[in-house]
């Protein structure tokens, strides 16, 4: 049985050999805490911190829109917004 709450990690390896890790704590469908790391580059450099702040307290169903909005005017190498969305959703599906 899958728990409704819990801390978990979602990892995905991208075709380009890059890795995204998401460590998150959930309460129901809400993100309580989230940390996004990996083998990629995003400019401006504080984009990941902004993204983590924007995702905190939000519903899992809002993740895709938040990621796309935050990364809209960014430059990124080795990652796409959809890759981060997938990693967050994997973490949510694995919660325990």
PDB file of N, CA and C in Angstrom:
ATOM      1  N   UNK A   1       0.832  -1.178   0.000  1.00  0.00           N
ATOM      2  CA  UNK A   1       0.000   0.000   0.000  1.00  0.00           C
ATOM      3  C   UNK A   1       0.879   1.245   0.000  1.00  0.00           C
ATOM      4  N   UNK A   2       0.544   2.190  -0.821  1.00  0.00           N
ATOM      5  CA  UNK A   2       1.312   3.417  -0.934  1.00  0.00           C
ATOM      6  C   UNK A   2       0.834   4.418   0.110  1.00  0.00           C
ATOM      7  N   UNK A   3       1.779   5.014   0.802  1.00  0.00           N
ATOM      8  CA  UNK A   3       1.424   5.992   1.823  1.00  0.00           C
ATOM      9  C   UNK A   3       1.012   7.310   1.185  1.00  0.00           C
ATOM     10  N   UNK A   4       0.163   8.025   1.884  1.00  0.00           N
ATOM     11  CA  UNK A   4      -0.280   9.322   1.391  1.00  0.00           C
ATOM     12  C   UNK A   4       0.777  10.389   1.653  1.00  0.00           C
ATOM     13  N   UNK A   5       1.523  10.225   2.729  1.00  0.00           N
ATOM     14  CA  UNK A   5       2.543  11.186   3.127  1.00  0.00           C
ATOM     15  C   UNK A   5       3.898  10.508   3.102  1.00  0.00           C
ATOM     16  N   UNK A   6       4.956  11.292   3.139  1.00  0.00           N
ATOM     17  CA  UNK A   6       6.264  10.704   3.273  1.00  0.00           C
ATOM     18  C   UNK A   6       7.325  11.425   2.474  1.00  0.00           C
ATOM     19  N   UNK A   7       8.567  11.085   2.797  1.00  0.00           N
ATOM     20  CA  UNK A   7       9.716  11.626   2.099  1.00  0.00           C
ATOM     21  C   UNK A   7      10.208  10.578   1.131  1.00  0.00           C
ATOM     22  N   UNK A   8      10.550  10.990  -0.044  1.00  0.00           N
ATOM     23  CA  UNK A   8      10.984  10.049  -1.056  1.00  0.00           C
ATOM     24  C   UNK A   8      11.915  10.727  -2.043  1.00  0.00           C
ATOM     25  N   UNK A   9      12.469   9.963  -2.941  1.00  0.00           N
ATOM     26  CA  UNK A   9      13.374  10.494  -3.947  1.00  0.00           C
ATOM     27  C   UNK A   9      12.991   9.943  -5.307  1.00  0.00           C
ATOM     28  N   UNK A  10      13.001  10.798  -6.294  1.00  0.00           N
ATOM     29  CA  UNK A  10      12.771  10.388  -7.673  1.00  0.00           C
ATOM     30  C   UNK A  10      14.009  10.699  -8.482  1.00  0.00           C
ATOM     31  N   UNK A  11      14.523   9.756  -9.213  1.00  0.00           N
ATOM     32  CA  UNK A  11      15.707   9.961 -10.042  1.00  0.00           C
ATOM     33  C   UNK A  11      15.379   9.551 -11.460  1.00  0.00           C
ATOM     34  N   UNK A  12      15.862  10.326 -12.410  1.00  0.00           N
ATOM     35  CA  UNK A  12      15.751   9.893 -13.793  1.00  0.00           C
ATOM     36  C   UNK A  12      17.078  10.143 -14.484  1.00  0.00           C
ATOM     37  N   UNK A  13      17.466   9.206 -15.319  1.00  0.00           N
ATOM     38  CA  UNK A  13      18.647   9.350 -16.156  1.00  0.00           C
ATOM     39  C   UNK A  13      18.154   9.731 -17.549  1.00  0.00           C
ATOM     40  N   UNK A  14      18.683  10.817 -18.061  1.00  0.00           N
ATOM     41  CA  UNK A  14      18.256  11.307 -19.358  1.00  0.00           C
ATOM     42  C   UNK A  14      19.064  10.669 -20.478  1.00  0.00           C
ATOM     43  N   UNK A  15      18.539  10.734 -21.675  1.00  0.00           N
ATOM     44  CA  UNK A  15      19.210  10.140 -22.835  1.00  0.00           C
ATOM     45  C   UNK A  15      20.608  10.693 -23.038  1.00  0.00           C
ATOM     46  N   UNK A  16      20.807  11.936 -22.666  1.00  0.00           N
ATOM     47  CA  UNK A  16      22.096  12.588 -22.862  1.00  0.00           C
ATOM     48  C   UNK A  16      23.105  12.193 -21.788  1.00  0.00           C
ATOM     49  N   UNK A  17      22.772  11.254 -20.933  1.00  0.00           N
ATOM     50  CA  UNK A  17      23.671  10.824 -19.874  1.00  0.00           C
ATOM     51  C   UNK A  17      23.593  11.689 -18.628  1.00  0.00           C
ATOM     52  N   UNK A  18      22.655  12.592 -18.579  1.00  0.00           N
ATOM     53  CA  UNK A  18      22.496  13.481 -17.430  1.00  0.00           C
ATOM     54  C   UNK A  18      21.566  12.840 -16.406  1.00  0.00           C
ATOM     55  N   UNK A  19      21.615  13.348 -15.182  1.00  0.00           N
ATOM     56  CA  UNK A  19      20.815  12.795 -14.093  1.00  0.00           C
ATOM     57  C   UNK A  19      20.090  13.926 -13.368  1.00  0.00           C
ATOM     58  N   UNK A  20      18.858  13.688 -13.002  1.00  0.00           N
ATOM     59  CA  UNK A  20      18.079  14.616 -12.178  1.00  0.00           C
ATOM     60  C   UNK A  20      17.636  13.845 -10.941  1.00  0.00           C
ATOM     61  N   UNK A  21      17.826  14.461  -9.777  1.00  0.00           N
ATOM     62  CA  UNK A  21      17.368  13.872  -8.522  1.00  0.00           C
ATOM     63  C   UNK A  21      16.408  14.848  -7.854  1.00  0.00           C
ATOM     64  N   UNK A  22      15.313  14.319  -7.363  1.00  0.00           N
ATOM     65  CA  UNK A  22      14.357  15.102  -6.602  1.00  0.00           C
ATOM     66  C   UNK A  22      14.130  14.391  -5.282  1.00  0.00           C
ATOM     67  N   UNK A  23      14.401  15.089  -4.209  1.00  0.00           N
ATOM     68  CA  UNK A  23      14.099  14.571  -2.870  1.00  0.00           C
ATOM     69  C   UNK A  23      13.001  15.467  -2.328  1.00  0.00           C
ATOM     70  N   UNK A  24      11.901  14.863  -1.935  1.00  0.00           N
ATOM     71  CA  UNK A  24      10.747  15.659  -1.527  1.00  0.00           C
ATOM     72  C   UNK A  24       9.987  15.006  -0.392  1.00  0.00           C
ATOM     73  N   UNK A  25       9.282  15.846   0.354  1.00  0.00           N
ATOM     74  CA  UNK A  25       8.380  15.381   1.402  1.00  0.00           C
ATOM     75  C   UNK A  25       6.994  15.842   1.009  1.00  0.00           C
ATOM     76  N   UNK A  26       6.045  14.926   1.078  1.00  0.00           N
ATOM     77  CA  UNK A  26       4.675  15.202   0.654  1.00  0.00           C
ATOM     78  C   UNK A  26       3.703  15.020   1.814  1.00  0.00           C
ATOM     79  N   UNK A  27       2.640  15.778   1.771  1.00  0.00           N
ATOM     80  CA  UNK A  27       1.501  15.565   2.667  1.00  0.00           C
ATOM     81  C   UNK A  27       0.293  15.526   1.757  1.00  0.00           C
ATOM     82  N   UNK A  28      -0.202  14.313   1.541  1.00  0.00           N
ATOM     83  CA  UNK A  28      -1.281  14.134   0.575  1.00  0.00           C
ATOM     84  C   UNK A  28      -0.788  14.523  -0.808  1.00  0.00           C
ATOM     85  N   UNK A  29      -1.480  15.427  -1.462  1.00  0.00           N
ATOM     86  CA  UNK A  29      -1.096  15.867  -2.801  1.00  0.00           C
ATOM     87  C   UNK A  29      -0.271  17.150  -2.780  1.00  0.00           C
ATOM     88  N   UNK A  30       0.208  17.550  -1.601  1.00  0.00           N
ATOM     89  CA  UNK A  30       0.960  18.790  -1.459  1.00  0.00           C
ATOM     90  C   UNK A  30       2.444  18.512  -1.211  1.00  0.00           C
ATOM     91  N   UNK A  31       3.282  19.359  -1.772  1.00  0.00           N
ATOM     92  CA  UNK A  31       4.729  19.265  -1.579  1.00  0.00           C
ATOM     93  C   UNK A  31       5.079  20.093  -0.349  1.00  0.00           C
ATOM     94  N   UNK A  32       5.616  19.445   0.681  1.00  0.00           N
ATOM     95  CA  UNK A  32       6.021  20.164   1.891  1.00  0.00           C
ATOM     96  C   UNK A  32       7.453  20.672   1.778  1.00  0.00           C
ATOM     97  N   UNK A  33       8.321  19.832   1.248  1.00  0.00           N
ATOM     98  CA  UNK A  33       9.721  20.191   1.067  1.00  0.00           C
ATOM     99  C   UNK A  33      10.185  19.571  -0.241  1.00  0.00           C
ATOM    100  N   UNK A  34      11.147  20.242  -0.910  1.00  0.00           N
ATOM    101  CA  UNK A  34      11.658  19.686  -2.154  1.00  0.00           C
ATOM    102  C   UNK A  34      13.076  20.184  -2.392  1.00  0.00           C
ATOM    103  N   UNK A  35      13.896  19.288  -2.898  1.00  0.00           N
ATOM    104  CA  UNK A  35      15.281  19.604  -3.261  1.00  0.00           C
ATOM    105  C   UNK A  35      15.538  18.978  -4.622  1.00  0.00           C
ATOM    106  N   UNK A  36      15.973  19.799  -5.579  1.00  0.00           N
ATOM    107  CA  UNK A  36      16.243  19.343  -6.944  1.00  0.00           C
ATOM    108  C   UNK A  36      17.726  19.491  -7.216  1.00  0.00           C
ATOM    109  N   UNK A  37      18.373  18.383  -7.583  1.00  0.00           N
ATOM    110  CA  UNK A  37      19.796  18.403  -7.912  1.00  0.00           C
ATOM    111  C   UNK A  37      20.015  17.581  -9.175  1.00  0.00           C
ATOM    112  N   UNK A  38      21.211  17.654  -9.710  1.00  0.00           N
ATOM    113  CA  UNK A  38      21.504  16.828 -10.869  1.00  0.00           C
ATOM    114  C   UNK A  38      22.661  17.342 -11.694  1.00  0.00           C
ATOM    115  N   UNK A  39      22.829  16.686 -12.794  1.00  0.00           N
ATOM    116  CA  UNK A  39      23.934  16.935 -13.712  1.00  0.00           C
ATOM    117  C   UNK A  39      23.413  17.763 -14.886  1.00  0.00           C
ATOM    118  N   UNK A  40      23.145  19.040 -14.626  1.00  0.00           N
ATOM    119  CA  UNK A  40      22.608  19.927 -15.658  1.00  0.00           C
ATOM    120  C   UNK A  40      22.939  21.358 -15.269  1.00  0.00           C
ATOM    121  N   UNK A  41      22.727  22.272 -16.198  1.00  0.00           N
ATOM    122  CA  UNK A  41      23.004  23.690 -15.968  1.00  0.00           C
ATOM    123  C   UNK A  41      21.774  24.518 -16.313  1.00  0.00           C
ATOM    124  N   UNK A  42      21.468  25.501 -15.466  1.00  0.00           N
ATOM    125  CA  UNK A  42      20.371  26.429 -15.723  1.00  0.00           C
ATOM    126  C   UNK A  42      20.859  27.836 -15.386  1.00  0.00           C
ATOM    127  N   UNK A  43      20.554  28.762 -16.263  1.00  0.00           N
ATOM    128  CA  UNK A  43      20.884  30.155 -16.033  1.00  0.00           C
ATOM    129  C   UNK A  43      19.614  30.988 -16.137  1.00  0.00           C
ATOM    130  N   UNK A  44      19.343  31.898 -15.237  1.00  0.00           N
ATOM    131  CA  UNK A  44      20.164  32.344 -14.123  1.00  0.00           C
ATOM    132  C   UNK A  44      20.402  31.235 -13.095  1.00  0.00           C
ATOM    133  N   UNK A  45      21.502  31.356 -12.388  1.00  0.00           N
ATOM    134  CA  UNK A  45      21.956  30.305 -11.478  1.00  0.00           C
ATOM    135  C   UNK A  45      21.006  30.033 -10.321  1.00  0.00           C
ATOM    136  N   UNK A  46      20.186  30.991  -9.940  1.00  0.00           N
ATOM    137  CA  UNK A  46      19.278  30.778  -8.813  1.00  0.00           C
ATOM    138  C   UNK A  46      17.936  30.168  -9.222  1.00  0.00           C
ATOM    139  N   UNK A  47      17.809  29.755 -10.463  1.00  0.00           N
ATOM    140  CA  UNK A  47      16.534  29.232 -10.961  1.00  0.00           C
ATOM    141  C   UNK A  47      16.042  28.026 -10.170  1.00  0.00           C
ATOM    142  N   UNK A  48      16.927  27.115  -9.834  1.00  0.00           N
ATOM    143  CA  UNK A  48      16.501  25.917  -9.081  1.00  0.00           C
ATOM    144  C   UNK A  48      15.984  26.317  -7.700  1.00  0.00           C
ATOM    145  N   UNK A  49      16.667  27.253  -7.044  1.00  0.00           N
ATOM    146  CA  UNK A  49      16.193  27.710  -5.731  1.00  0.00           C
ATOM    147  C   UNK A  49      14.822  28.374  -5.852  1.00  0.00           C
ATOM    148  N   UNK A  50      14.636  29.170  -6.891  1.00  0.00           N
ATOM    149  CA  UNK A  50      13.330  29.808  -7.129  1.00  0.00           C
ATOM    150  C   UNK A  50      12.282  28.736  -7.375  1.00  0.00           C
ATOM    151  N   UNK A  51      12.617  27.750  -8.183  1.00  0.00           N
ATOM    152  CA  UNK A  51      11.686  26.666  -8.491  1.00  0.00           C
ATOM    153  C   UNK A  51      11.304  25.904  -7.226  1.00  0.00           C
ATOM    154  N   UNK A  52      12.273  25.584  -6.389  1.00  0.00           N
ATOM    155  CA  UNK A  52      11.975  24.877  -5.141  1.00  0.00           C
ATOM    156  C   UNK A  52      11.034  25.690  -4.249  1.00  0.00           C
ATOM    157  N   UNK A  53      11.276  26.993  -4.145  1.00  0.00           N
ATOM    158  CA  UNK A  53      10.384  27.854  -3.348  1.00  0.00           C
ATOM    159  C   UNK A  53       8.976  27.891  -3.931  1.00  0.00           C
ATOM    160  N   UNK A  54       8.884  27.971  -5.247  1.00  0.00           N
ATOM    161  CA  UNK A  54       7.572  28.036  -5.908  1.00  0.00           C
ATOM    162  C   UNK A  54       6.787  26.725  -5.765  1.00  0.00           C
ATOM    163  N   UNK A  55       7.488  25.591  -5.731  1.00  0.00           N
ATOM    164  CA  UNK A  55       6.821  24.295  -5.629  1.00  0.00           C
ATOM    165  C   UNK A  55       6.376  23.972  -4.201  1.00  0.00           C
ATOM    166  N   UNK A  56       7.077  24.505  -3.236  1.00  0.00           N
ATOM    167  CA  UNK A  56       6.770  24.218  -1.830  1.00  0.00           C
ATOM    168  C   UNK A  56       5.357  24.692  -1.490  1.00  0.00           C
ATOM    169  N   UNK A  57       4.570  23.781  -0.945  1.00  0.00           N
ATOM    170  CA  UNK A  57       3.201  24.088  -0.555  1.00  0.00           C
ATOM    171  C   UNK A  57       2.173  23.934  -1.666  1.00  0.00           C
ATOM    172  N   UNK A  58       2.639  23.558  -2.852  1.00  0.00           N
ATOM    173  CA  UNK A  58       1.731  23.429  -3.998  1.00  0.00           C
ATOM    174  C   UNK A  58       1.301  21.982  -4.206  1.00  0.00           C
ATOM    175  N   UNK A  59       0.208  21.834  -4.940  1.00  0.00           N
ATOM    176  CA  UNK A  59      -0.328  20.503  -5.263  1.00  0.00           C
ATOM    177  C   UNK A  59       0.500  19.862  -6.379  1.00  0.00           C
ATOM    178  N   UNK A  60       0.579  18.565  -6.367  1.00  0.00           N
ATOM    179  CA  UNK A  60       1.307  17.840  -7.410  1.00  0.00           C
ATOM    180  C   UNK A  60       0.714  18.128  -8.786  1.00  0.00           C
ATOM    181  N   UNK A  61      -0.570  18.390  -8.856  1.00  0.00           N
ATOM    182  CA  UNK A  61      -1.212  18.676 -10.138  1.00  0.00           C
ATOM    183  C   UNK A  61      -0.784  20.020 -10.729  1.00  0.00           C
ATOM    184  N   UNK A  62      -0.175  20.890  -9.925  1.00  0.00           N
ATOM    185  CA  UNK A  62       0.273  22.203 -10.393  1.00  0.00           C
ATOM    186  C   UNK A  62       1.739  22.229 -10.809  1.00  0.00           C
ATOM    187  N   UNK A  63       2.451  21.134 -10.610  1.00  0.00           N
ATOM    188  CA  UNK A  63       3.899  21.092 -10.822  1.00  0.00           C
ATOM    189  C   UNK A  63       4.299  21.486 -12.241  1.00  0.00           C
ATOM    190  N   UNK A  64       3.686  20.902 -13.229  1.00  0.00           N
ATOM    191  CA  UNK A  64       4.075  21.169 -14.620  1.00  0.00           C
ATOM    192  C   UNK A  64       3.974  22.653 -14.959  1.00  0.00           C
ATOM    193  N   UNK A  65       2.867  23.281 -14.603  1.00  0.00           N
ATOM    194  CA  UNK A  65       2.675  24.700 -14.903  1.00  0.00           C
ATOM    195  C   UNK A  65       3.684  25.578 -14.174  1.00  0.00           C
ATOM    196  N   UNK A  66       3.987  25.246 -12.930  1.00  0.00           N
ATOM    197  CA  UNK A  66       4.954  26.023 -12.153  1.00  0.00           C
ATOM    198  C   UNK A  66       6.340  25.908 -12.773  1.00  0.00           C
ATOM    199  N   UNK A  67       6.748  24.701 -13.119  1.00  0.00           N
ATOM    200  CA  UNK A  67       8.059  24.494 -13.734  1.00  0.00           C
ATOM    201  C   UNK A  67       8.164  25.267 -15.042  1.00  0.00           C
ATOM    202  N   UNK A  68       7.161  25.159 -15.882  1.00  0.00           N
ATOM    203  CA  UNK A  68       7.189  25.865 -17.167  1.00  0.00           C
ATOM    204  C   UNK A  68       7.245  27.374 -16.972  1.00  0.00           C
ATOM    205  N   UNK A  69       6.507  27.906 -16.004  1.00  0.00           N
ATOM    206  CA  UNK A  69       6.510  29.347 -15.748  1.00  0.00           C
ATOM    207  C   UNK A  69       7.869  29.825 -15.248  1.00  0.00           C
ATOM    208  N   UNK A  70       8.446  29.105 -14.291  1.00  0.00           N
ATOM    209  CA  UNK A  70       9.728  29.505 -13.715  1.00  0.00           C
ATOM    210  C   UNK A  70      10.858  29.403 -14.740  1.00  0.00           C
ATOM    211  N   UNK A  71      10.813  28.376 -15.588  1.00  0.00           N
ATOM    212  CA  UNK A  71      11.910  28.152 -16.536  1.00  0.00           C
ATOM    213  C   UNK A  71      11.675  28.826 -17.896  1.00  0.00           C
ATOM    214  N   UNK A  72      10.588  29.549 -18.030  1.00  0.00           N
ATOM    215  CA  UNK A  72      10.203  30.143 -19.312  1.00  0.00           C
ATOM    216  C   UNK A  72      11.304  30.984 -19.947  1.00  0.00           C
ATOM    217  N   UNK A  73      11.952  31.836 -19.215  1.00  0.00           N
ATOM    218  CA  UNK A  73      12.964  32.730 -19.765  1.00  0.00           C
ATOM    219  C   UNK A  73      14.380  32.343 -19.362  1.00  0.00           C
ATOM    220  N   UNK A  74      14.571  31.069 -19.058  1.00  0.00           N
ATOM    221  CA  UNK A  74      15.884  30.584 -18.644  1.00  0.00           C
ATOM    222  C   UNK A  74      16.597  29.891 -19.795  1.00  0.00           C
ATOM    223  N   UNK A  75      17.902  29.794 -19.639  1.00  0.00           N
ATOM    224  CA  UNK A  75      18.694  28.973 -20.549  1.00  0.00           C
ATOM    225  C   UNK A  75      19.063  27.711 -19.784  1.00  0.00           C
ATOM    226  N   UNK A  76      18.956  26.562 -20.423  1.00  0.00           N
ATOM    227  CA  UNK A  76      19.297  25.319 -19.744  1.00  0.00           C
ATOM    228  C   UNK A  76      19.995  24.378 -20.703  1.00  0.00           C
ATOM    229  N   UNK A  77      20.907  23.596 -20.117  1.00  0.00           N
ATOM    230  CA  UNK A  77      21.681  22.604 -20.865  1.00  0.00           C
ATOM    231  C   UNK A  77      21.589  21.287 -20.108  1.00  0.00           C
ATOM    232  N   UNK A  78      21.245  20.236 -20.810  1.00  0.00           N
ATOM    233  CA  UNK A  78      21.212  18.915 -20.201  1.00  0.00           C
ATOM    234  C   UNK A  78      19.910  18.572 -19.515  1.00  0.00           C
ATOM    235  N   UNK A  79      18.922  19.442 -19.616  1.00  0.00           N
ATOM    236  CA  UNK A  79      17.645  19.201 -18.955  1.00  0.00           C
ATOM    237  C   UNK A  79      16.564  20.007 -19.673  1.00  0.00           C
ATOM    238  N   UNK A  80      15.349  19.518 -19.596  1.00  0.00           N
ATOM    239  CA  UNK A  80      14.170  20.211 -20.117  1.00  0.00           C
ATOM    240  C   UNK A  80      13.172  20.337 -18.963  1.00  0.00           C
ATOM    241  N   UNK A  81      12.274  21.313 -19.010  1.00  0.00           N
ATOM    242  CA  UNK A  81      11.255  21.414 -17.957  1.00  0.00           C
ATOM    243  C   UNK A  81      10.488  20.100 -17.759  1.00  0.00           C
ATOM    244  N   UNK A  82      10.206  19.399 -18.832  1.00  0.00           N
ATOM    245  CA  UNK A  82       9.462  18.136 -18.715  1.00  0.00           C
ATOM    246  C   UNK A  82      10.255  17.074 -17.950  1.00  0.00           C
ATOM    247  N   UNK A  83      11.586  17.127 -18.000  1.00  0.00           N
ATOM    248  CA  UNK A  83      12.417  16.182 -17.257  1.00  0.00           C
ATOM    249  C   UNK A  83      12.283  16.413 -15.753  1.00  0.00           C
ATOM    250  N   UNK A  84      12.282  17.668 -15.343  1.00  0.00           N
ATOM    251  CA  UNK A  84      12.121  17.987 -13.928  1.00  0.00           C
ATOM    252  C   UNK A  84      10.723  17.595 -13.461  1.00  0.00           C
ATOM    253  N   UNK A  85       9.729  17.869 -14.285  1.00  0.00           N
ATOM    254  CA  UNK A  85       8.349  17.460 -13.972  1.00  0.00           C
ATOM    255  C   UNK A  85       8.284  15.953 -13.761  1.00  0.00           C
ATOM    256  N   UNK A  86       8.902  15.205 -14.648  1.00  0.00           N
ATOM    257  CA  UNK A  86       8.887  13.736 -14.532  1.00  0.00           C
ATOM    258  C   UNK A  86       9.556  13.276 -13.244  1.00  0.00           C
ATOM    259  N   UNK A  87      10.672  13.886 -12.869  1.00  0.00           N
ATOM    260  CA  UNK A  87      11.380  13.495 -11.648  1.00  0.00           C
ATOM    261  C   UNK A  87      10.542  13.806 -10.403  1.00  0.00           C
ATOM    262  N   UNK A  88       9.863  14.945 -10.380  1.00  0.00           N
ATOM    263  CA  UNK A  88       8.996  15.283  -9.244  1.00  0.00           C
ATOM    264  C   UNK A  88       7.846  14.287  -9.150  1.00  0.00           C
ATOM    265  N   UNK A  89       7.257  13.946 -10.264  1.00  0.00           N
ATOM    266  CA  UNK A  89       6.141  12.990 -10.257  1.00  0.00           C
ATOM    267  C   UNK A  89       6.593  11.588  -9.843  1.00  0.00           C
ATOM    268  N   UNK A  90       7.796  11.195 -10.255  1.00  0.00           N
ATOM    269  CA  UNK A  90       8.333   9.896  -9.810  1.00  0.00           C
ATOM    270  C   UNK A  90       8.518   9.890  -8.299  1.00  0.00           C
ATOM    271  N   UNK A  91       9.035  10.977  -7.755  1.00  0.00           N
ATOM    272  CA  UNK A  91       9.201  11.062  -6.300  1.00  0.00           C
ATOM    273  C   UNK A  91       7.839  10.937  -5.621  1.00  0.00           C
ATOM    274  N   UNK A  92       6.834  11.626  -6.143  1.00  0.00           N
ATOM    275  CA  UNK A  92       5.494  11.574  -5.544  1.00  0.00           C
ATOM    276  C   UNK A  92       4.912  10.160  -5.614  1.00  0.00           C
ATOM    277  N   UNK A  93       5.116   9.481  -6.727  1.00  0.00           N
ATOM    278  CA  UNK A  93       4.582   8.119  -6.878  1.00  0.00           C
ATOM    279  C   UNK A  93       5.263   7.131  -5.941  1.00  0.00           C
ATOM    280  N   UNK A  94       6.484   7.414  -5.547  1.00  0.00           N
ATOM    281  CA  UNK A  94       7.248   6.508  -4.676  1.00  0.00           C
ATOM    282  C   UNK A  94       7.142   6.842  -3.196  1.00  0.00           C
ATOM    283  N   UNK A  95       6.304   7.795  -2.845  1.00  0.00           N
ATOM    284  CA  UNK A  95       6.232   8.215  -1.442  1.00  0.00           C
ATOM    285  C   UNK A  95       5.845   7.031  -0.557  1.00  0.00           C
ATOM    286  N   UNK A  96       6.392   7.057   0.636  1.00  0.00           N
ATOM    287  CA  UNK A  96       6.109   5.961   1.592  1.00  0.00           C
ATOM    288  C   UNK A  96       6.142   6.474   3.007  1.00  0.00           C
TER     289      UNK A  96
END
